[in-house]
Amino acid sequence: MFHLKPKALVNRPPTPDVLENPPEREPTLQELINVKLIESGEKERLMELLRERLVECGWKDEMKALCRAFVKKKGKNNVTVDDLVHVITPKGRASIPDSIKAELLQRIRTFLVSLSL
């Protein structure tokens, strides 16, 4: 039988107990913006605008076709939702038209200016 050295013999400072003294940290700018977007209802409006634009440009139908092709190739009993998400997400993100991204970014900028952030 072998014996392990006790951890106390390892030359390192003790690990602080995170649960006893959680570090106080300031929220990031991104977190603050997200809170403001949610509280104002602007986030939901932006999500709805995104949905509309993606339908208008045919992106949603394109993603549906990619999903169907993947399921057909693998067999419907051999595909999970996680498989679809893993395969389709990178393609979906890469195929969002730049014009839609620019429109959403402009809407977010306008929102931030209205908050004077």
PDB file of N, CA and C in Angstrom:
ATOM      1  N   MET A   1       0.838  -1.179   0.000  1.00  0.00           N
ATOM      2  CA  MET A   1       0.000   0.000   0.000  1.00  0.00           C
ATOM      3  C   MET A   1       0.883   1.243   0.000  1.00  0.00           C
ATOM      4  N   PHE A   2       0.448   2.297  -0.649  1.00  0.00           N
ATOM      5  CA  PHE A   2       1.245   3.519  -0.720  1.00  0.00           C
ATOM      6  C   PHE A   2       0.600   4.604   0.127  1.00  0.00           C
ATOM      7  N   HIS A   3       1.411   5.591   0.484  1.00  0.00           N
ATOM      8  CA  HIS A   3       0.909   6.684   1.315  1.00  0.00           C
ATOM      9  C   HIS A   3       1.086   7.998   0.574  1.00  0.00           C
ATOM     10  N   LEU A   4       0.096   8.824   0.639  1.00  0.00           N
ATOM     11  CA  LEU A   4       0.169  10.152   0.041  1.00  0.00           C
ATOM     12  C   LEU A   4       0.631  11.143   1.088  1.00  0.00           C
ATOM     13  N   LYS A   5       1.389  12.130   0.636  1.00  0.00           N
ATOM     14  CA  LYS A   5       1.824  13.186   1.553  1.00  0.00           C
ATOM     15  C   LYS A   5       0.626  14.077   1.872  1.00  0.00           C
ATOM     16  N   PRO A   6       0.496  14.484   3.104  1.00  0.00           N
ATOM     17  CA  PRO A   6      -0.602  15.404   3.423  1.00  0.00           C
ATOM     18  C   PRO A   6      -0.430  16.721   2.677  1.00  0.00           C
ATOM     19  N   LYS A   7      -1.526  17.320   2.293  1.00  0.00           N
ATOM     20  CA  LYS A   7      -1.473  18.579   1.547  1.00  0.00           C
ATOM     21  C   LYS A   7      -0.809  19.696   2.335  1.00  0.00           C
ATOM     22  N   ALA A   8      -0.832  19.597   3.635  1.00  0.00           N
ATOM     23  CA  ALA A   8      -0.233  20.643   4.463  1.00  0.00           C
ATOM     24  C   ALA A   8       1.266  20.759   4.228  1.00  0.00           C
ATOM     25  N   LEU A   9       1.889  19.701   3.738  1.00  0.00           N
ATOM     26  CA  LEU A   9       3.327  19.729   3.504  1.00  0.00           C
ATOM     27  C   LEU A   9       3.697  20.428   2.192  1.00  0.00           C
ATOM     28  N   VAL A  10       2.721  20.642   1.339  1.00  0.00           N
ATOM     29  CA  VAL A  10       2.988  21.333   0.079  1.00  0.00           C
ATOM     30  C   VAL A  10       3.213  22.809   0.384  1.00  0.00           C
ATOM     31  N   ASN A  11       4.248  23.377  -0.208  1.00  0.00           N
ATOM     32  CA  ASN A  11       4.628  24.763   0.079  1.00  0.00           C
ATOM     33  C   ASN A  11       3.788  25.734  -0.747  1.00  0.00           C
ATOM     34  N   ARG A  12       2.632  26.091  -0.238  1.00  0.00           N
ATOM     35  CA  ARG A  12       1.766  27.069  -0.904  1.00  0.00           C
ATOM     36  C   ARG A  12       0.880  27.717   0.144  1.00  0.00           C
ATOM     37  N   PRO A  13       0.413  28.923  -0.140  1.00  0.00           N
ATOM     38  CA  PRO A  13      -0.466  29.579   0.831  1.00  0.00           C
ATOM     39  C   PRO A  13      -1.812  28.864   0.885  1.00  0.00           C
ATOM     40  N   PRO A  14      -2.506  28.974   1.996  1.00  0.00           N
ATOM     41  CA  PRO A  14      -3.819  28.323   2.101  1.00  0.00           C
ATOM     42  C   PRO A  14      -4.806  28.933   1.110  1.00  0.00           C
ATOM     43  N   THR A  15      -5.678  28.110   0.583  1.00  0.00           N
ATOM     44  CA  THR A  15      -6.707  28.570  -0.345  1.00  0.00           C
ATOM     45  C   THR A  15      -7.805  29.248   0.464  1.00  0.00           C
ATOM     46  N   PRO A  16      -8.152  30.488   0.117  1.00  0.00           N
ATOM     47  CA  PRO A  16      -9.201  31.164   0.877  1.00  0.00           C
ATOM     48  C   PRO A  16     -10.540  30.482   0.657  1.00  0.00           C
ATOM     49  N   ASP A  17     -11.375  30.497   1.664  1.00  0.00           N
ATOM     50  CA  ASP A  17     -12.708  29.933   1.548  1.00  0.00           C
ATOM     51  C   ASP A  17     -13.598  30.965   0.857  1.00  0.00           C
ATOM     52  N   VAL A  18     -13.914  30.691  -0.395  1.00  0.00           N
ATOM     53  CA  VAL A  18     -14.666  31.640  -1.222  1.00  0.00           C
ATOM     54  C   VAL A  18     -16.064  31.876  -0.660  1.00  0.00           C
ATOM     55  N   LEU A  19     -16.656  30.869  -0.062  1.00  0.00           N
ATOM     56  CA  LEU A  19     -18.012  31.021   0.445  1.00  0.00           C
ATOM     57  C   LEU A  19     -18.076  31.931   1.665  1.00  0.00           C
ATOM     58  N   GLU A  20     -17.019  31.933   2.463  1.00  0.00           N
ATOM     59  CA  GLU A  20     -17.017  32.777   3.660  1.00  0.00           C
ATOM     60  C   GLU A  20     -16.886  34.254   3.321  1.00  0.00           C
ATOM     61  N   ASN A  21     -15.992  34.584   2.421  1.00  0.00           N
ATOM     62  CA  ASN A  21     -15.721  35.980   2.074  1.00  0.00           C
ATOM     63  C   ASN A  21     -15.749  36.179   0.560  1.00  0.00           C
ATOM     64  N   PRO A  22     -16.939  36.212  -0.044  1.00  0.00           N
ATOM     65  CA  PRO A  22     -16.950  36.409  -1.496  1.00  0.00           C
ATOM     66  C   PRO A  22     -16.384  37.785  -1.838  1.00  0.00           C
ATOM     67  N   PRO A  23     -15.547  37.854  -2.869  1.00  0.00           N
ATOM     68  CA  PRO A  23     -14.969  39.149  -3.219  1.00  0.00           C
ATOM     69  C   PRO A  23     -16.037  40.103  -3.739  1.00  0.00           C
ATOM     70  N   GLU A  24     -15.983  41.323  -3.285  1.00  0.00           N
ATOM     71  CA  GLU A  24     -16.906  42.347  -3.765  1.00  0.00           C
ATOM     72  C   GLU A  24     -16.317  42.894  -5.054  1.00  0.00           C
ATOM     73  N   ARG A  25     -17.089  42.822  -6.119  1.00  0.00           N
ATOM     74  CA  ARG A  25     -16.586  43.340  -7.382  1.00  0.00           C
ATOM     75  C   ARG A  25     -17.638  44.233  -8.011  1.00  0.00           C
ATOM     76  N   GLU A  26     -17.141  45.187  -8.722  1.00  0.00           N
ATOM     77  CA  GLU A  26     -18.032  46.098  -9.434  1.00  0.00           C
ATOM     78  C   GLU A  26     -18.536  45.396 -10.691  1.00  0.00           C
ATOM     79  N   PRO A  27     -19.802  45.605 -11.051  1.00  0.00           N
ATOM     80  CA  PRO A  27     -20.281  45.012 -12.304  1.00  0.00           C
ATOM     81  C   PRO A  27     -19.544  45.636 -13.489  1.00  0.00           C
ATOM     82  N   THR A  28     -19.352  44.829 -14.524  1.00  0.00           N
ATOM     83  CA  THR A  28     -18.679  45.324 -15.722  1.00  0.00           C
ATOM     84  C   THR A  28     -19.630  46.241 -16.491  1.00  0.00           C
ATOM     85  N   LEU A  29     -19.079  47.020 -17.402  1.00  0.00           N
ATOM     86  CA  LEU A  29     -19.898  47.897 -18.238  1.00  0.00           C
ATOM     87  C   LEU A  29     -20.903  47.062 -19.032  1.00  0.00           C
ATOM     88  N   GLN A  30     -20.455  45.922 -19.538  1.00  0.00           N
ATOM     89  CA  GLN A  30     -21.350  45.043 -20.294  1.00  0.00           C
ATOM     90  C   GLN A  30     -22.517  44.585 -19.423  1.00  0.00           C
ATOM     91  N   GLU A  31     -22.244  44.232 -18.173  1.00  0.00           N
ATOM     92  CA  GLU A  31     -23.311  43.813 -17.265  1.00  0.00           C
ATOM     93  C   GLU A  31     -24.276  44.962 -16.975  1.00  0.00           C
ATOM     94  N   LEU A  32     -23.740  46.154 -16.779  1.00  0.00           N
ATOM     95  CA  LEU A  32     -24.592  47.320 -16.528  1.00  0.00           C
ATOM     96  C   LEU A  32     -25.498  47.613 -17.721  1.00  0.00           C
ATOM     97  N   ILE A  33     -24.922  47.545 -18.912  1.00  0.00           N
ATOM     98  CA  ILE A  33     -25.699  47.797 -20.130  1.00  0.00           C
ATOM     99  C   ILE A  33     -26.805  46.753 -20.269  1.00  0.00           C
ATOM    100  N   ASN A  34     -26.456  45.494 -20.012  1.00  0.00           N
ATOM    101  CA  ASN A  34     -27.444  44.425 -20.125  1.00  0.00           C
ATOM    102  C   ASN A  34     -28.606  44.646 -19.156  1.00  0.00           C
ATOM    103  N   VAL A  35     -28.302  45.056 -17.930  1.00  0.00           N
ATOM    104  CA  VAL A  35     -29.347  45.334 -16.952  1.00  0.00           C
ATOM    105  C   VAL A  35     -30.254  46.457 -17.444  1.00  0.00           C
ATOM    106  N   LYS A  36     -29.658  47.522 -17.964  1.00  0.00           N
ATOM    107  CA  LYS A  36     -30.452  48.653 -18.473  1.00  0.00           C
ATOM    108  C   LYS A  36     -31.326  48.228 -19.657  1.00  0.00           C
ATOM    109  N   LEU A  37     -30.762  47.394 -20.546  1.00  0.00           N
ATOM    110  CA  LEU A  37     -31.530  46.908 -21.692  1.00  0.00           C
ATOM    111  C   LEU A  37     -32.741  46.105 -21.226  1.00  0.00           C
ATOM    112  N   ILE A  38     -32.534  45.256 -20.240  1.00  0.00           N
ATOM    113  CA  ILE A  38     -33.625  44.419 -19.734  1.00  0.00           C
ATOM    114  C   ILE A  38     -34.668  45.261 -19.011  1.00  0.00           C
ATOM    115  N   GLU A  39     -34.208  46.112 -18.092  1.00  0.00           N
ATOM    116  CA  GLU A  39     -35.135  46.927 -17.294  1.00  0.00           C
ATOM    117  C   GLU A  39     -36.008  47.831 -18.159  1.00  0.00           C
ATOM    118  N   SER A  40     -35.450  48.338 -19.224  1.00  0.00           N
ATOM    119  CA  SER A  40     -36.189  49.263 -20.078  1.00  0.00           C
ATOM    120  C   SER A  40     -37.112  48.552 -21.076  1.00  0.00           C
ATOM    121  N   GLY A  41     -36.902  47.250 -21.240  1.00  0.00           N
ATOM    122  CA  GLY A  41     -37.665  46.511 -22.251  1.00  0.00           C
ATOM    123  C   GLY A  41     -37.026  46.585 -23.625  1.00  0.00           C
ATOM    124  N   GLU A  42     -35.923  47.314 -23.741  1.00  0.00           N
ATOM    125  CA  GLU A  42     -35.255  47.478 -25.041  1.00  0.00           C
ATOM    126  C   GLU A  42     -34.677  46.159 -25.532  1.00  0.00           C
ATOM    127  N   LYS A  43     -34.205  45.317 -24.634  1.00  0.00           N
ATOM    128  CA  LYS A  43     -33.624  44.043 -25.060  1.00  0.00           C
ATOM    129  C   LYS A  43     -34.661  43.203 -25.799  1.00  0.00           C
ATOM    130  N   GLU A  44     -35.868  43.139 -25.255  1.00  0.00           N
ATOM    131  CA  GLU A  44     -36.920  42.364 -25.912  1.00  0.00           C
ATOM    132  C   GLU A  44     -37.288  42.985 -27.264  1.00  0.00           C
ATOM    133  N   ARG A  45     -37.316  44.308 -27.338  1.00  0.00           N
ATOM    134  CA  ARG A  45     -37.600  44.971 -28.622  1.00  0.00           C
ATOM    135  C   ARG A  45     -36.503  44.660 -29.640  1.00  0.00           C
ATOM    136  N   LEU A  46     -35.263  44.657 -29.204  1.00  0.00           N
ATOM    137  CA  LEU A  46     -34.148  44.330 -30.111  1.00  0.00           C
ATOM    138  C   LEU A  46     -34.228  42.872 -30.572  1.00  0.00           C
ATOM    139  N   MET A  47     -34.592  41.986 -29.656  1.00  0.00           N
ATOM    140  CA  MET A  47     -34.731  40.571 -30.023  1.00  0.00           C
ATOM    141  C   MET A  47     -35.845  40.387 -31.052  1.00  0.00           C
ATOM    142  N   GLU A  48     -36.942  41.101 -30.867  1.00  0.00           N
ATOM    143  CA  GLU A  48     -38.045  41.007 -31.825  1.00  0.00           C
ATOM    144  C   GLU A  48     -37.624  41.556 -33.184  1.00  0.00           C
ATOM    145  N   LEU A  49     -36.908  42.687 -33.192  1.00  0.00           N
ATOM    146  CA  LEU A  49     -36.399  43.244 -34.440  1.00  0.00           C
ATOM    147  C   LEU A  49     -35.479  42.241 -35.133  1.00  0.00           C
ATOM    148  N   LEU A  50     -34.605  41.611 -34.366  1.00  0.00           N
ATOM    149  CA  LEU A  50     -33.701  40.613 -34.939  1.00  0.00           C
ATOM    150  C   LEU A  50     -34.484  39.463 -35.562  1.00  0.00           C
ATOM    151  N   ARG A  51     -35.478  38.956 -34.841  1.00  0.00           N
ATOM    152  CA  ARG A  51     -36.310  37.869 -35.386  1.00  0.00           C
ATOM    153  C   ARG A  51     -36.948  38.280 -36.709  1.00  0.00           C
ATOM    154  N   GLU A  52     -37.520  39.476 -36.752  1.00  0.00           N
ATOM    155  CA  GLU A  52     -38.172  39.965 -37.976  1.00  0.00           C
ATOM    156  C   GLU A  52     -37.189  40.043 -39.133  1.00  0.00           C
ATOM    157  N   ARG A  53     -36.029  40.641 -38.876  1.00  0.00           N
ATOM    158  CA  ARG A  53     -35.033  40.811 -39.938  1.00  0.00           C
ATOM    159  C   ARG A  53     -34.514  39.462 -40.456  1.00  0.00           C
ATOM    160  N   LEU A  54     -34.328  38.508 -39.544  1.00  0.00           N
ATOM    161  CA  LEU A  54     -33.828  37.191 -39.960  1.00  0.00           C
ATOM    162  C   LEU A  54     -34.860  36.439 -40.792  1.00  0.00           C
ATOM    163  N   VAL A  55     -36.130  36.634 -40.483  1.00  0.00           N
ATOM    164  CA  VAL A  55     -37.185  36.024 -41.307  1.00  0.00           C
ATOM    165  C   VAL A  55     -37.224  36.703 -42.664  1.00  0.00           C
ATOM    166  N   GLU A  56     -37.191  38.048 -42.664  1.00  0.00           N
ATOM    167  CA  GLU A  56     -37.271  38.823 -43.911  1.00  0.00           C
ATOM    168  C   GLU A  56     -36.170  38.450 -44.900  1.00  0.00           C
ATOM    169  N   CYS A  57     -34.965  38.235 -44.409  1.00  0.00           N
ATOM    170  CA  CYS A  57     -33.835  37.976 -45.313  1.00  0.00           C
ATOM    171  C   CYS A  57     -33.700  36.498 -45.683  1.00  0.00           C
ATOM    172  N   GLY A  58     -34.554  35.636 -45.123  1.00  0.00           N
ATOM    173  CA  GLY A  58     -34.507  34.218 -45.465  1.00  0.00           C
ATOM    174  C   GLY A  58     -33.559  33.399 -44.606  1.00  0.00           C
ATOM    175  N   TRP A  59     -32.947  34.026 -43.617  1.00  0.00           N
ATOM    176  CA  TRP A  59     -31.988  33.329 -42.751  1.00  0.00           C
ATOM    177  C   TRP A  59     -32.657  32.177 -42.000  1.00  0.00           C
ATOM    178  N   LYS A  60     -33.848  32.431 -41.475  1.00  0.00           N
ATOM    179  CA  LYS A  60     -34.544  31.400 -40.704  1.00  0.00           C
ATOM    180  C   LYS A  60     -34.827  30.173 -41.565  1.00  0.00           C
ATOM    181  N   ASP A  61     -35.288  30.388 -42.793  1.00  0.00           N
ATOM    182  CA  ASP A  61     -35.561  29.271 -43.697  1.00  0.00           C
ATOM    183  C   ASP A  61     -34.279  28.525 -44.059  1.00  0.00           C
ATOM    184  N   GLU A  62     -33.195  29.282 -44.217  1.00  0.00           N
ATOM    185  CA  GLU A  62     -31.899  28.672 -44.526  1.00  0.00           C
ATOM    186  C   GLU A  62     -31.445  27.764 -43.371  1.00  0.00           C
ATOM    187  N   MET A  63     -31.624  28.229 -42.132  1.00  0.00           N
ATOM    188  CA  MET A  63     -31.227  27.424 -40.966  1.00  0.00           C
ATOM    189  C   MET A  63     -32.110  26.180 -40.843  1.00  0.00           C
ATOM    190  N   LYS A  64     -33.402  26.355 -41.149  1.00  0.00           N
ATOM    191  CA  LYS A  64     -34.316  25.213 -41.112  1.00  0.00           C
ATOM    192  C   LYS A  64     -33.883  24.155 -42.126  1.00  0.00           C
ATOM    193  N   ALA A  65     -33.498  24.618 -43.316  1.00  0.00           N
ATOM    194  CA  ALA A  65     -33.057  23.692 -44.364  1.00  0.00           C
ATOM    195  C   ALA A  65     -31.767  22.977 -43.958  1.00  0.00           C
ATOM    196  N   LEU A  66     -30.848  23.707 -43.329  1.00  0.00           N
ATOM    197  CA  LEU A  66     -29.607  23.078 -42.858  1.00  0.00           C
ATOM    198  C   LEU A  66     -29.898  22.009 -41.805  1.00  0.00           C
ATOM    199  N   CYS A  67     -30.824  22.301 -40.907  1.00  0.00           N
ATOM    200  CA  CYS A  67     -31.200  21.332 -39.875  1.00  0.00           C
ATOM    201  C   CYS A  67     -31.818  20.086 -40.504  1.00  0.00           C
ATOM    202  N   ARG A  68     -32.708  20.298 -41.434  1.00  0.00           N
ATOM    203  CA  ARG A  68     -33.356  19.152 -42.096  1.00  0.00           C
ATOM    204  C   ARG A  68     -32.340  18.304 -42.843  1.00  0.00           C
ATOM    205  N   ALA A  69     -31.411  18.959 -43.539  1.00  0.00           N
ATOM    206  CA  ALA A  69     -30.383  18.221 -44.283  1.00  0.00           C
ATOM    207  C   ALA A  69     -29.500  17.420 -43.332  1.00  0.00           C
ATOM    208  N   PHE A  70     -29.146  17.998 -42.199  1.00  0.00           N
ATOM    209  CA  PHE A  70     -28.311  17.299 -41.226  1.00  0.00           C
ATOM    210  C   PHE A  70     -29.041  16.085 -40.664  1.00  0.00           C
ATOM    211  N   VAL A  71     -30.324  16.258 -40.324  1.00  0.00           N
ATOM    212  CA  VAL A  71     -31.118  15.154 -39.784  1.00  0.00           C
ATOM    213  C   VAL A  71     -31.271  14.055 -40.829  1.00  0.00           C
ATOM    214  N   LYS A  72     -31.498  14.443 -42.065  1.00  0.00           N
ATOM    215  CA  LYS A  72     -31.655  13.459 -43.142  1.00  0.00           C
ATOM    216  C   LYS A  72     -30.362  12.667 -43.332  1.00  0.00           C
ATOM    217  N   LYS A  73     -29.232  13.353 -43.277  1.00  0.00           N
ATOM    218  CA  LYS A  73     -27.928  12.714 -43.466  1.00  0.00           C
ATOM    219  C   LYS A  73     -27.618  11.734 -42.338  1.00  0.00           C
ATOM    220  N   LYS A  74     -27.897  12.128 -41.097  1.00  0.00           N
ATOM    221  CA  LYS A  74     -27.553  11.309 -39.932  1.00  0.00           C
ATOM    222  C   LYS A  74     -28.648  10.300 -39.556  1.00  0.00           C
ATOM    223  N   GLY A  75     -29.872  10.572 -39.976  1.00  0.00           N
ATOM    224  CA  GLY A  75     -30.995   9.731 -39.577  1.00  0.00           C
ATOM    225  C   GLY A  75     -31.657  10.333 -38.355  1.00  0.00           C
ATOM    226  N   LYS A  76     -32.978  10.471 -38.399  1.00  0.00           N
ATOM    227  CA  LYS A  76     -33.670  11.200 -37.334  1.00  0.00           C
ATOM    228  C   LYS A  76     -33.518  10.563 -35.964  1.00  0.00           C
ATOM    229  N   ASN A  77     -33.251   9.278 -35.895  1.00  0.00           N
ATOM    230  CA  ASN A  77     -33.081   8.618 -34.602  1.00  0.00           C
ATOM    231  C   ASN A  77     -31.644   8.741 -34.073  1.00  0.00           C
ATOM    232  N   ASN A  78     -30.762   9.322 -34.885  1.00  0.00           N
ATOM    233  CA  ASN A  78     -29.354   9.435 -34.496  1.00  0.00           C
ATOM    234  C   ASN A  78     -28.921  10.870 -34.228  1.00  0.00           C
ATOM    235  N   VAL A  79     -29.885  11.786 -34.121  1.00  0.00           N
ATOM    236  CA  VAL A  79     -29.554  13.201 -33.936  1.00  0.00           C
ATOM    237  C   VAL A  79     -30.239  13.722 -32.676  1.00  0.00           C
ATOM    238  N   THR A  80     -29.459  14.447 -31.881  1.00  0.00           N
ATOM    239  CA  THR A  80     -30.028  15.101 -30.704  1.00  0.00           C
ATOM    240  C   THR A  80     -30.087  16.605 -30.959  1.00  0.00           C
ATOM    241  N   VAL A  81     -30.814  17.300 -30.123  1.00  0.00           N
ATOM    242  CA  VAL A  81     -30.875  18.755 -30.227  1.00  0.00           C
ATOM    243  C   VAL A  81     -29.467  19.326 -30.036  1.00  0.00           C
ATOM    244  N   ASP A  82     -28.716  18.752 -29.104  1.00  0.00           N
ATOM    245  CA  ASP A  82     -27.344  19.221 -28.878  1.00  0.00           C
ATOM    246  C   ASP A  82     -26.486  19.065 -30.136  1.00  0.00           C
ATOM    247  N   ASP A  83     -26.674  17.961 -30.866  1.00  0.00           N
ATOM    248  CA  ASP A  83     -25.941  17.766 -32.124  1.00  0.00           C
ATOM    249  C   ASP A  83     -26.268  18.895 -33.102  1.00  0.00           C
ATOM    250  N   LEU A  84     -27.559  19.198 -33.232  1.00  0.00           N
ATOM    251  CA  LEU A  84     -27.984  20.260 -34.150  1.00  0.00           C
ATOM    252  C   LEU A  84     -27.399  21.606 -33.742  1.00  0.00           C
ATOM    253  N   VAL A  85     -27.479  21.913 -32.464  1.00  0.00           N
ATOM    254  CA  VAL A  85     -26.961  23.190 -31.974  1.00  0.00           C
ATOM    255  C   VAL A  85     -25.467  23.282 -32.252  1.00  0.00           C
ATOM    256  N   HIS A  86     -24.743  22.208 -31.986  1.00  0.00           N
ATOM    257  CA  HIS A  86     -23.287  22.193 -32.178  1.00  0.00           C
ATOM    258  C   HIS A  86     -22.905  22.426 -33.650  1.00  0.00           C
ATOM    259  N   VAL A  87     -23.653  21.823 -34.560  1.00  0.00           N
ATOM    260  CA  VAL A  87     -23.329  21.924 -35.988  1.00  0.00           C
ATOM    261  C   VAL A  87     -23.848  23.221 -36.605  1.00  0.00           C
ATOM    262  N   ILE A  88     -25.051  23.612 -36.257  1.00  0.00           N
ATOM    263  CA  ILE A  88     -25.713  24.730 -36.928  1.00  0.00           C
ATOM    264  C   ILE A  88     -25.314  26.092 -36.373  1.00  0.00           C
ATOM    265  N   THR A  89     -25.045  26.202 -35.078  1.00  0.00           N
ATOM    266  CA  THR A  89     -24.754  27.504 -34.466  1.00  0.00           C
ATOM    267  C   THR A  89     -23.634  28.269 -35.163  1.00  0.00           C
ATOM    268  N   PRO A  90     -22.475  27.658 -35.397  1.00  0.00           N
ATOM    269  CA  PRO A  90     -21.411  28.430 -36.075  1.00  0.00           C
ATOM    270  C   PRO A  90     -21.832  28.903 -37.477  1.00  0.00           C
ATOM    271  N   LYS A  91     -22.535  28.061 -38.197  1.00  0.00           N
ATOM    272  CA  LYS A  91     -23.003  28.436 -39.537  1.00  0.00           C
ATOM    273  C   LYS A  91     -24.030  29.551 -39.450  1.00  0.00           C
ATOM    274  N   GLY A  92     -24.912  29.445 -38.479  1.00  0.00           N
ATOM    275  CA  GLY A  92     -25.950  30.454 -38.309  1.00  0.00           C
ATOM    276  C   GLY A  92     -25.376  31.812 -37.956  1.00  0.00           C
ATOM    277  N   ARG A  93     -24.442  31.834 -37.009  1.00  0.00           N
ATOM    278  CA  ARG A  93     -23.827  33.102 -36.616  1.00  0.00           C
ATOM    279  C   ARG A  93     -23.057  33.732 -37.768  1.00  0.00           C
ATOM    280  N   ALA A  94     -22.353  32.903 -38.513  1.00  0.00           N
ATOM    281  CA  ALA A  94     -21.538  33.419 -39.613  1.00  0.00           C
ATOM    282  C   ALA A  94     -22.380  33.938 -40.780  1.00  0.00           C
ATOM    283  N   SER A  95     -23.620  33.463 -40.873  1.00  0.00           N
ATOM    284  CA  SER A  95     -24.432  33.838 -42.031  1.00  0.00           C
ATOM    285  C   SER A  95     -25.419  34.972 -41.764  1.00  0.00           C
ATOM    286  N   ILE A  96     -25.388  35.566 -40.580  1.00  0.00           N
ATOM    287  CA  ILE A  96     -26.251  36.723 -40.318  1.00  0.00           C
ATOM    288  C   ILE A  96     -25.725  37.891 -41.143  1.00  0.00           C
ATOM    289  N   PRO A  97     -26.568  38.489 -41.950  1.00  0.00           N
ATOM    290  CA  PRO A  97     -26.103  39.582 -42.814  1.00  0.00           C
ATOM    291  C   PRO A  97     -25.523  40.753 -42.017  1.00  0.00           C
ATOM    292  N   ASP A  98     -24.453  41.336 -42.546  1.00  0.00           N
ATOM    293  CA  ASP A  98     -23.802  42.473 -41.897  1.00  0.00           C
ATOM    294  C   ASP A  98     -24.758  43.644 -41.711  1.00  0.00           C
ATOM    295  N   SER A  99     -25.694  43.798 -42.623  1.00  0.00           N
ATOM    296  CA  SER A  99     -26.635  44.918 -42.520  1.00  0.00           C
ATOM    297  C   SER A  99     -27.505  44.787 -41.267  1.00  0.00           C
ATOM    298  N   ILE A 100     -27.865  43.572 -40.915  1.00  0.00           N
ATOM    299  CA  ILE A 100     -28.668  43.349 -39.717  1.00  0.00           C
ATOM    300  C   ILE A 100     -27.829  43.630 -38.473  1.00  0.00           C
ATOM    301  N   LYS A 101     -26.597  43.156 -38.479  1.00  0.00           N
ATOM    302  CA  LYS A 101     -25.696  43.418 -37.349  1.00  0.00           C
ATOM    303  C   LYS A 101     -25.508  44.920 -37.161  1.00  0.00           C
ATOM    304  N   ALA A 102     -25.313  45.625 -38.265  1.00  0.00           N
ATOM    305  CA  ALA A 102     -25.101  47.077 -38.199  1.00  0.00           C
ATOM    306  C   ALA A 102     -26.342  47.791 -37.667  1.00  0.00           C
ATOM    307  N   GLU A 103     -27.517  47.356 -38.108  1.00  0.00           N
ATOM    308  CA  GLU A 103     -28.753  47.976 -37.638  1.00  0.00           C
ATOM    309  C   GLU A 103     -28.924  47.789 -36.134  1.00  0.00           C
ATOM    310  N   LEU A 104     -28.679  46.578 -35.649  1.00  0.00           N
ATOM    311  CA  LEU A 104     -28.806  46.318 -34.216  1.00  0.00           C
ATOM    312  C   LEU A 104     -27.769  47.108 -33.416  1.00  0.00           C
ATOM    313  N   LEU A 105     -26.563  47.161 -33.914  1.00  0.00           N
ATOM    314  CA  LEU A 105     -25.515  47.921 -33.231  1.00  0.00           C
ATOM    315  C   LEU A 105     -25.891  49.399 -33.147  1.00  0.00           C
ATOM    316  N   GLN A 106     -26.438  49.942 -34.224  1.00  0.00           N
ATOM    317  CA  GLN A 106     -26.861  51.345 -34.216  1.00  0.00           C
ATOM    318  C   GLN A 106     -27.988  51.576 -33.209  1.00  0.00           C
ATOM    319  N   ARG A 107     -28.915  50.633 -33.134  1.00  0.00           N
ATOM    320  CA  ARG A 107     -30.013  50.751 -32.156  1.00  0.00           C
ATOM    321  C   ARG A 107     -29.472  50.723 -30.725  1.00  0.00           C
ATOM    322  N   ILE A 108     -28.480  49.880 -30.476  1.00  0.00           N
ATOM    323  CA  ILE A 108     -27.880  49.802 -29.137  1.00  0.00           C
ATOM    324  C   ILE A 108     -27.145  51.100 -28.823  1.00  0.00           C
ATOM    325  N   ARG A 109     -26.418  51.627 -29.798  1.00  0.00           N
ATOM    326  CA  ARG A 109     -25.714  52.905 -29.587  1.00  0.00           C
ATOM    327  C   ARG A 109     -26.700  54.015 -29.274  1.00  0.00           C
ATOM    328  N   THR A 110     -27.782  54.095 -30.019  1.00  0.00           N
ATOM    329  CA  THR A 110     -28.806  55.110 -29.797  1.00  0.00           C
ATOM    330  C   THR A 110     -29.383  54.971 -28.387  1.00  0.00           C
ATOM    331  N   PHE A 111     -29.630  53.752 -27.967  1.00  0.00           N
ATOM    332  CA  PHE A 111     -30.147  53.483 -26.621  1.00  0.00           C
ATOM    333  C   PHE A 111     -29.154  53.983 -25.574  1.00  0.00           C
ATOM    334  N   LEU A 112     -27.880  53.677 -25.768  1.00  0.00           N
ATOM    335  CA  LEU A 112     -26.854  54.098 -24.795  1.00  0.00           C
ATOM    336  C   LEU A 112     -26.736  55.614 -24.724  1.00  0.00           C
ATOM    337  N   VAL A 113     -26.834  56.262 -25.867  1.00  0.00           N
ATOM    338  CA  VAL A 113     -26.775  57.733 -25.870  1.00  0.00           C
ATOM    339  C   VAL A 113     -27.971  58.288 -25.103  1.00  0.00           C
ATOM    340  N   SER A 114     -29.111  57.659 -25.271  1.00  0.00           N
ATOM    341  CA  SER A 114     -30.303  58.145 -24.556  1.00  0.00           C
ATOM    342  C   SER A 114     -30.170  57.985 -23.042  1.00  0.00           C
ATOM    343  N   LEU A 115     -29.332  57.054 -22.613  1.00  0.00           N
ATOM    344  CA  LEU A 115     -29.074  56.868 -21.180  1.00  0.00           C
ATOM    345  C   LEU A 115     -27.949  57.758 -20.692  1.00  0.00           C
ATOM    346  N   SER A 116     -27.223  58.354 -21.615  1.00  0.00           N
ATOM    347  CA  SER A 116     -26.042  59.166 -21.309  1.00  0.00           C
ATOM    348  C   SER A 116     -24.963  58.370 -20.606  1.00  0.00           C
ATOM    349  N   LEU A 117     -24.732  57.145 -21.096  1.00  0.00           N
ATOM    350  CA  LEU A 117     -23.652  56.300 -20.525  1.00  0.00           C
ATOM    351  C   LEU A 117     -22.354  56.559 -21.236  1.00  0.00           C
TER     352      LEU A 117
END
